[in-house]
Each structure stands twice: as structure tokens, then as C-alpha cells.
Amino acid sequence: MFTTRILRWGNSQGLRLSKQILDLADIAVGDDVEVVVGDHQIVVKKRAHPPYVLADLVARIPEGYCPVEADAGPPVGREEW
């Protein structure tokens, strides 16, 4: 069991987790995690998969789909095309 402390972090509160704890949980800096709160406890779990995988999104494009150019109208302000 590991013990740490809740500290102020700007206008919020934060919890520091050691590299040893992250290694044991197979979590690295930058990983997406799920936070589950209930029954007077907070559980942090590594997300099973990233929210989007490009190959999965491309596989959902219907066969024969043909993209068309969308007209956004005339330039506004100082934008140029």
C-alpha cells in the first residue's frame, strides 16, 4: 500500500503519483485514464483503448463514398484563399 497527500494545485487539488505506482498500474504520463468515484473512494484506471483509432474510423466510411467540396461563402475580414 502507498500513501500520498492531496495538495493544492492552482485553484484545484492534485494528487501526485510516483513512477513506481504508475509502473505498477501500467500507466504513463500522457495516457488517458478513467476516474470512477463511489462508495467514498476514487479509482483511476487506464483506458482500455484510445477514444479514436484512425483505421477504425476509415473502415466505417461507406463503400463508394465520394467527398464533395463545401462552399463556406465569400471571405470575411482579412482572410484570403
C-alpha atoms as a PDB file:
ATOM      1  CA  MET A   1       0.000   0.000   0.000  1.00  0.00           C
ATOM      2  CA  PHE A   2       1.198   3.507  -0.826  1.00  0.00           C
ATOM      3  CA  THR A   3       0.332   6.725   0.979  1.00  0.00           C
ATOM      4  CA  THR A   4       0.328  10.202  -0.535  1.00  0.00           C
ATOM      5  CA  ARG A   5      -1.367  13.515   0.180  1.00  0.00           C
ATOM      6  CA  ILE A   6      -3.884  15.734  -1.618  1.00  0.00           C
ATOM      7  CA  LEU A   7      -2.259  19.125  -2.318  1.00  0.00           C
ATOM      8  CA  ARG A   8      -3.363  22.449  -3.779  1.00  0.00           C
ATOM      9  CA  TRP A   9      -2.668  22.794  -7.494  1.00  0.00           C
ATOM     10  CA  GLY A  10      -3.705  26.256  -8.651  1.00  0.00           C
ATOM     11  CA  ASN A  11      -7.407  26.597  -7.871  1.00  0.00           C
ATOM     12  CA  SER A  12      -7.822  22.817  -7.742  1.00  0.00           C
ATOM     13  CA  GLN A  13      -6.455  19.957  -5.707  1.00  0.00           C
ATOM     14  CA  GLY A  14      -3.990  17.416  -7.005  1.00  0.00           C
ATOM     15  CA  LEU A  15      -2.591  14.030  -6.195  1.00  0.00           C
ATOM     16  CA  ARG A  16       0.990  13.105  -7.047  1.00  0.00           C
ATOM     17  CA  LEU A  17       1.619   9.528  -8.066  1.00  0.00           C
ATOM     18  CA  SER A  18       5.141   8.153  -8.023  1.00  0.00           C
ATOM     19  CA  LYS A  19       6.675   6.467 -11.054  1.00  0.00           C
ATOM     20  CA  GLN A  20       6.587   3.208  -9.100  1.00  0.00           C
ATOM     21  CA  ILE A  21       2.800   3.439  -8.681  1.00  0.00           C
ATOM     22  CA  LEU A  22       2.296   4.340 -12.339  1.00  0.00           C
ATOM     23  CA  ASP A  23       4.541   1.450 -13.430  1.00  0.00           C
ATOM     24  CA  LEU A  24       2.555  -0.994 -11.304  1.00  0.00           C
ATOM     25  CA  ALA A  25      -0.676   0.257 -12.896  1.00  0.00           C
ATOM     26  CA  ASP A  26       0.895   0.275 -16.396  1.00  0.00           C
ATOM     27  CA  ILE A  27       0.074   3.987 -16.721  1.00  0.00           C
ATOM     28  CA  ALA A  28       2.453   6.549 -18.222  1.00  0.00           C
ATOM     29  CA  VAL A  29       2.449  10.336 -18.405  1.00  0.00           C
ATOM     30  CA  GLY A  30       0.062  11.358 -21.186  1.00  0.00           C
ATOM     31  CA  ASP A  31      -2.092   8.202 -21.023  1.00  0.00           C
ATOM     32  CA  ASP A  32      -5.869   8.586 -20.930  1.00  0.00           C
ATOM     33  CA  VAL A  33      -7.410   7.329 -17.700  1.00  0.00           C
ATOM     34  CA  GLU A  34     -10.932   6.813 -16.390  1.00  0.00           C
ATOM     35  CA  VAL A  35     -11.827   8.170 -12.952  1.00  0.00           C
ATOM     36  CA  VAL A  36     -14.598   6.322 -11.101  1.00  0.00           C
ATOM     37  CA  VAL A  37     -15.987   7.813  -7.893  1.00  0.00           C
ATOM     38  CA  GLY A  38     -18.241   5.957  -5.484  1.00  0.00           C
ATOM     39  CA  ASP A  39     -18.553   4.442  -2.023  1.00  0.00           C
ATOM     40  CA  HIS A  40     -16.108   7.004  -0.549  1.00  0.00           C
ATOM     41  CA  GLN A  41     -13.308   6.068  -2.930  1.00  0.00           C
ATOM     42  CA  ILE A  42     -11.695   7.266  -6.160  1.00  0.00           C
ATOM     43  CA  VAL A  43     -10.459   4.669  -8.644  1.00  0.00           C
ATOM     44  CA  VAL A  44      -8.150   5.675 -11.519  1.00  0.00           C
ATOM     45  CA  LYS A  45      -7.964   3.132 -14.355  1.00  0.00           C
ATOM     46  CA  LYS A  46      -6.028   3.172 -17.604  1.00  0.00           C
ATOM     47  CA  ARG A  47      -8.384   3.482 -20.583  1.00  0.00           C
ATOM     48  CA  ALA A  48      -8.716   0.212 -22.446  1.00  0.00           C
ATOM     49  CA  HIS A  49      -8.147   1.883 -25.834  1.00  0.00           C
ATOM     50  CA  PRO A  50      -7.759   5.367 -27.170  1.00  0.00           C
ATOM     51  CA  PRO A  51     -11.093   7.037 -27.933  1.00  0.00           C
ATOM     52  CA  TYR A  52     -10.450   7.002 -31.699  1.00  0.00           C
ATOM     53  CA  VAL A  53      -8.274   4.822 -33.899  1.00  0.00           C
ATOM     54  CA  LEU A  54      -7.821   6.171 -37.422  1.00  0.00           C
ATOM     55  CA  ALA A  55      -8.020   2.734 -39.042  1.00  0.00           C
ATOM     56  CA  ASP A  56     -11.378   2.075 -37.328  1.00  0.00           C
ATOM     57  CA  LEU A  57     -12.763   5.430 -38.477  1.00  0.00           C
ATOM     58  CA  VAL A  58     -11.622   4.868 -42.062  1.00  0.00           C
ATOM     59  CA  ALA A  59     -13.163   1.382 -42.046  1.00  0.00           C
ATOM     60  CA  ARG A  60     -16.567   2.978 -41.304  1.00  0.00           C
ATOM     61  CA  ILE A  61     -16.530   5.096 -44.498  1.00  0.00           C
ATOM     62  CA  PRO A  62     -19.244   3.668 -46.777  1.00  0.00           C
ATOM     63  CA  GLU A  63     -18.050   1.981 -49.959  1.00  0.00           C
ATOM     64  CA  GLY A  64     -18.381   4.320 -52.921  1.00  0.00           C
ATOM     65  CA  TYR A  65     -18.349   7.447 -50.743  1.00  0.00           C
ATOM     66  CA  CYS A  66     -17.242  10.472 -52.775  1.00  0.00           C
ATOM     67  CA  PRO A  67     -16.397  13.615 -50.804  1.00  0.00           C
ATOM     68  CA  VAL A  68     -17.526  16.945 -52.214  1.00  0.00           C
ATOM     69  CA  GLU A  69     -16.080  20.394 -51.681  1.00  0.00           C
ATOM     70  CA  ALA A  70     -18.163  22.569 -49.337  1.00  0.00           C
ATOM     71  CA  ASP A  71     -18.501  26.275 -50.077  1.00  0.00           C
ATOM     72  CA  ALA A  72     -18.078  28.356 -46.915  1.00  0.00           C
ATOM     73  CA  GLY A  73     -19.110  31.545 -48.692  1.00  0.00           C
ATOM     74  CA  PRO A  74     -17.090  34.644 -49.527  1.00  0.00           C
ATOM     75  CA  PRO A  75     -14.058  35.699 -47.455  1.00  0.00           C
ATOM     76  CA  VAL A  76     -14.831  37.527 -44.221  1.00  0.00           C
ATOM     77  CA  GLY A  77     -12.445  40.079 -42.752  1.00  0.00           C
ATOM     78  CA  ARG A  78      -8.824  39.727 -43.866  1.00  0.00           C
ATOM     79  CA  GLU A  79      -8.815  36.021 -44.757  1.00  0.00           C
ATOM     80  CA  GLU A  80      -7.657  35.125 -48.257  1.00  0.00           C
ATOM     81  CA  TRP A  81      -7.985  31.968 -50.342  1.00  0.00           C
END
